[in-house]
Amino acid sequence: MNIKLVVFDLGNVLFTFSVDRAFNYWAAKTGESAELLKSRFVQDEMYDLHEKGKITTSQYSQHVTAMLKISLSENDFLDGWNDILMHPIMPSFEVVRNVKEKGIQTAVLSNTNFPHTVILKEKYGSLFGIFDGIFFSNDIGFRKPEKDSFLHVINSLGADAKNSLMIDDLKENIIGAADIGMNTLHLEDYTALDERIKVFL
């Protein structure tokens, strides 16, 4: 296998995250139960549009608070929303460095949104410096598992799908990458990344 590009997902591959933290925060602010708020939340078209950078975070905040049937200031919405992001998985970044040392290109492809990318760039910019390309959905206008998201990465880095590897924790994203001819690694346990990737390199 002649892998020349490895593309890493962000959540549960390079960073831990928990959507429950947002519901817990909003519940504390409103007096509602976190379980009830979570049951009302849907990843709908507006969610997709927010991750593609097609609507503002202010618009999405209004949409979510209406969906959840709560009253929140935009600042309280953002504080809860940003609490979803947790910590970098440092052993995964060590894997990235090891891949780079083999002369293989590396990239990040993540479905995310403007508030989260601000935090990622400002707080963790030094970690992302080791990648040849950073592709956030709200910047490129495409979301996984849309084929155009993977093609955008491949074409931007001058790579070939057949010589590229996509690592993601979600099965639907793995299927999307495989559909354009990429090699894929469905990573359900980020602690296994170091061992699982060896098969491809």
Protein backbone atom coordinates (compact mmCIF):
# COMPACT_ATOMS: atom_id res chain seq x y z
CA MET A 1 0.00 0.00 0.00
CA ASN A 2 1.55 3.31 -1.12
CA ILE A 3 -0.08 5.91 1.13
CA LYS A 4 1.07 9.45 0.41
CA LEU A 5 -1.60 11.41 2.31
CA VAL A 6 -3.30 10.70 5.65
CA VAL A 7 -6.41 12.75 6.47
CA PHE A 8 -7.48 12.89 10.11
CA ASP A 9 -10.93 13.66 11.45
CA LEU A 10 -10.98 15.97 14.47
CA GLY A 11 -13.56 14.72 16.99
CA ASN A 12 -12.65 11.49 18.78
CA VAL A 13 -9.54 11.16 16.62
CA LEU A 14 -7.49 14.26 17.49
CA PHE A 15 -9.71 15.90 20.13
CA THR A 16 -12.17 14.67 22.72
CA PHE A 17 -15.58 16.30 22.71
CA SER A 18 -18.96 15.88 24.36
CA VAL A 19 -22.23 17.40 23.14
CA ASP A 20 -23.71 16.53 26.54
CA ARG A 21 -21.64 19.32 28.06
CA ALA A 22 -23.67 21.89 26.10
CA PHE A 23 -26.97 20.46 27.30
CA ASN A 24 -25.69 20.38 30.87
CA TYR A 25 -24.62 24.02 30.65
CA TRP A 26 -27.88 25.19 29.11
CA ALA A 27 -29.88 23.17 31.63
CA ALA A 28 -28.07 24.90 34.49
CA LYS A 29 -28.86 28.28 32.95
CA THR A 30 -32.55 27.59 32.32
CA GLY A 31 -33.61 25.18 35.05
CA GLU A 32 -34.65 22.57 32.48
CA SER A 33 -33.30 19.01 32.58
CA ALA A 34 -30.34 18.23 30.36
CA GLU A 35 -32.05 15.02 29.25
CA LEU A 36 -35.12 16.94 28.07
CA LEU A 37 -33.03 19.46 26.12
CA LYS A 38 -31.06 16.66 24.50
CA SER A 39 -34.27 14.90 23.47
CA ARG A 40 -35.47 18.05 21.71
CA PHE A 41 -32.25 18.63 19.77
CA VAL A 42 -32.06 17.59 16.11
CA GLN A 43 -29.12 17.82 13.71
CA ASP A 44 -31.28 19.34 11.00
CA GLU A 45 -30.75 21.42 7.87
CA MET A 46 -29.83 24.50 9.92
CA TYR A 47 -27.16 22.45 11.70
CA ASP A 48 -25.72 21.50 8.32
CA LEU A 49 -25.89 25.09 7.06
CA HIS A 50 -24.08 26.32 10.18
CA GLU A 51 -21.32 23.76 9.66
CA LYS A 52 -21.03 24.81 6.01
CA GLY A 53 -20.69 28.47 6.98
CA LYS A 54 -23.93 29.33 5.17
CA ILE A 55 -25.66 30.90 8.19
CA THR A 56 -24.29 32.92 11.10
CA THR A 57 -23.84 31.58 14.60
CA SER A 58 -26.37 34.19 15.74
CA GLN A 59 -28.95 32.71 13.37
CA TYR A 60 -28.13 29.21 14.57
CA SER A 61 -28.34 30.28 18.21
CA GLN A 62 -31.87 31.59 17.65
CA HIS A 63 -32.82 28.39 15.85
CA VAL A 64 -31.50 26.10 18.59
CA THR A 65 -33.07 28.01 21.47
CA ALA A 66 -36.42 27.90 19.67
CA MET A 67 -35.96 24.16 19.00
CA LEU A 68 -35.15 23.51 22.65
CA LYS A 69 -37.98 25.81 23.81
CA ILE A 70 -35.72 27.80 26.10
CA SER A 71 -34.66 31.41 26.49
CA LEU A 72 -30.90 31.96 26.39
CA SER A 73 -28.74 34.96 25.62
CA GLU A 74 -26.44 34.49 22.67
CA ASN A 75 -23.48 34.59 25.07
CA ASP A 76 -24.96 31.78 27.18
CA PHE A 77 -25.67 29.78 24.04
CA LEU A 78 -22.06 30.23 22.92
CA ASP A 79 -20.60 29.37 26.31
CA GLY A 80 -22.50 26.07 26.29
CA TRP A 81 -21.78 25.42 22.63
CA ASN A 82 -18.06 26.01 23.07
CA ASP A 83 -18.00 23.73 26.11
CA ILE A 84 -18.49 20.81 23.68
CA LEU A 85 -14.80 20.98 22.76
CA MET A 86 -12.61 19.32 25.36
CA HIS A 87 -8.96 18.35 25.02
CA PRO A 88 -6.41 17.43 22.36
CA ILE A 89 -5.52 13.73 22.32
CA MET A 90 -1.76 14.09 22.51
CA PRO A 91 -0.90 10.47 21.56
CA SER A 92 -2.82 11.05 18.32
CA PHE A 93 -0.71 14.11 17.54
CA GLU A 94 2.37 11.96 18.14
CA VAL A 95 1.01 9.57 15.49
CA VAL A 96 0.69 12.53 13.12
CA ARG A 97 4.32 13.45 13.74
CA ASN A 98 5.39 9.88 13.08
CA VAL A 99 3.48 9.88 9.79
CA LYS A 100 5.13 13.16 8.78
CA GLU A 101 8.56 11.70 9.52
CA LYS A 102 7.86 9.03 6.91
CA GLY A 103 7.52 11.77 4.28
CA ILE A 104 3.74 11.37 4.07
CA GLN A 105 1.44 14.39 3.80
CA THR A 106 -1.06 14.95 6.61
CA ALA A 107 -4.30 16.92 6.77
CA VAL A 108 -7.33 17.56 8.98
CA LEU A 109 -10.86 17.33 7.58
CA SER A 110 -13.54 18.15 10.13
CA ASN A 111 -17.23 18.99 10.23
CA THR A 112 -17.22 21.99 12.53
CA ASN A 113 -18.43 25.58 12.84
CA PHE A 114 -17.13 29.11 13.19
CA PRO A 115 -17.10 29.41 17.03
CA HIS A 116 -15.24 26.12 17.37
CA THR A 117 -12.72 26.92 14.66
CA VAL A 118 -11.94 30.21 16.40
CA ILE A 119 -11.05 28.29 19.57
CA LEU A 120 -9.12 25.65 17.66
CA LYS A 121 -7.07 28.22 15.76
CA GLU A 122 -6.43 30.56 18.68
CA LYS A 123 -5.87 28.03 21.48
CA TYR A 124 -4.38 25.09 19.60
CA GLY A 125 -2.81 26.71 16.54
CA SER A 126 0.64 25.37 17.45
CA LEU A 127 -0.66 21.78 17.30
CA PHE A 128 -2.09 22.27 13.83
CA GLY A 129 1.18 23.58 12.44
CA ILE A 130 2.38 20.04 11.70
CA PHE A 131 -0.34 19.45 9.09
CA ASP A 132 0.02 20.18 5.38
CA GLY A 133 -3.61 21.28 5.23
CA ILE A 134 -6.46 22.15 7.61
CA PHE A 135 -9.93 21.82 6.15
CA PHE A 136 -12.87 22.88 8.31
CA SER A 137 -16.35 22.44 6.83
CA ASN A 138 -17.38 26.02 7.60
CA ASP A 139 -14.34 27.26 5.65
CA ILE A 140 -14.64 24.99 2.60
CA GLY A 141 -18.46 24.93 2.36
CA PHE A 142 -18.78 21.12 2.32
CA ARG A 143 -19.51 18.58 5.04
CA LYS A 144 -18.57 14.95 5.31
CA PRO A 145 -19.82 12.57 4.02
CA GLU A 146 -20.37 14.74 0.91
CA LYS A 147 -17.95 13.61 -1.80
CA ASP A 148 -16.96 17.21 -2.49
CA SER A 149 -15.47 17.53 1.00
CA PHE A 150 -13.00 14.70 0.36
CA LEU A 151 -12.32 15.81 -3.19
CA HIS A 152 -11.56 19.32 -1.96
CA VAL A 153 -8.81 17.96 0.31
CA ILE A 154 -7.39 15.63 -2.32
CA ASN A 155 -7.31 18.31 -5.02
CA SER A 156 -5.96 21.04 -2.73
CA LEU A 157 -2.97 18.89 -1.77
CA GLY A 158 -2.35 17.46 -5.23
CA ALA A 159 -2.98 13.93 -4.02
CA ASP A 160 -4.68 10.85 -5.48
CA ALA A 161 -7.58 9.17 -3.72
CA LYS A 162 -6.06 5.71 -4.19
CA ASN A 163 -2.93 6.79 -2.33
CA SER A 164 -4.82 8.60 0.45
CA LEU A 165 -6.15 7.39 3.80
CA MET A 166 -9.16 8.88 5.64
CA ILE A 167 -9.38 8.26 9.40
CA ASP A 168 -12.76 8.97 10.99
CA ASP A 169 -14.82 7.77 13.93
CA LEU A 170 -18.14 7.87 12.04
CA LYS A 171 -19.10 5.07 9.65
CA GLU A 172 -21.03 7.35 7.27
CA ASN A 173 -17.93 9.49 6.74
CA ILE A 174 -15.82 6.42 6.07
CA ILE A 175 -18.35 5.31 3.43
CA GLY A 176 -18.21 8.75 1.78
CA ALA A 177 -14.42 8.65 1.58
CA ALA A 178 -14.44 5.10 0.21
CA ASP A 179 -16.91 6.18 -2.49
CA ILE A 180 -14.26 8.42 -4.08
CA GLY A 181 -11.63 5.67 -3.86
CA MET A 182 -9.83 6.61 -0.64
CA ASN A 183 -8.45 4.02 1.73
CA THR A 184 -10.29 4.25 5.05
CA LEU A 185 -9.82 3.53 8.73
CA HIS A 186 -12.95 3.49 10.88
CA LEU A 187 -11.54 4.46 14.28
CA GLU A 188 -14.05 3.65 17.00
CA ASP A 189 -11.42 3.84 19.77
CA TYR A 190 -8.90 6.66 19.48
CA THR A 191 -6.50 4.88 21.83
CA ALA A 192 -6.02 2.26 19.09
CA LEU A 193 -4.88 4.76 16.43
CA ASP A 194 -1.16 4.00 16.70
CA GLU A 195 -1.68 0.26 16.15
CA ARG A 196 -4.48 0.51 13.56
CA ILE A 197 -2.63 2.91 11.26
CA LYS A 198 0.41 0.64 10.96
CA VAL A 199 -1.53 -1.64 8.60
CA PHE A 200 -1.60 1.18 6.03
CA LEU A 201 1.94 2.49 6.38
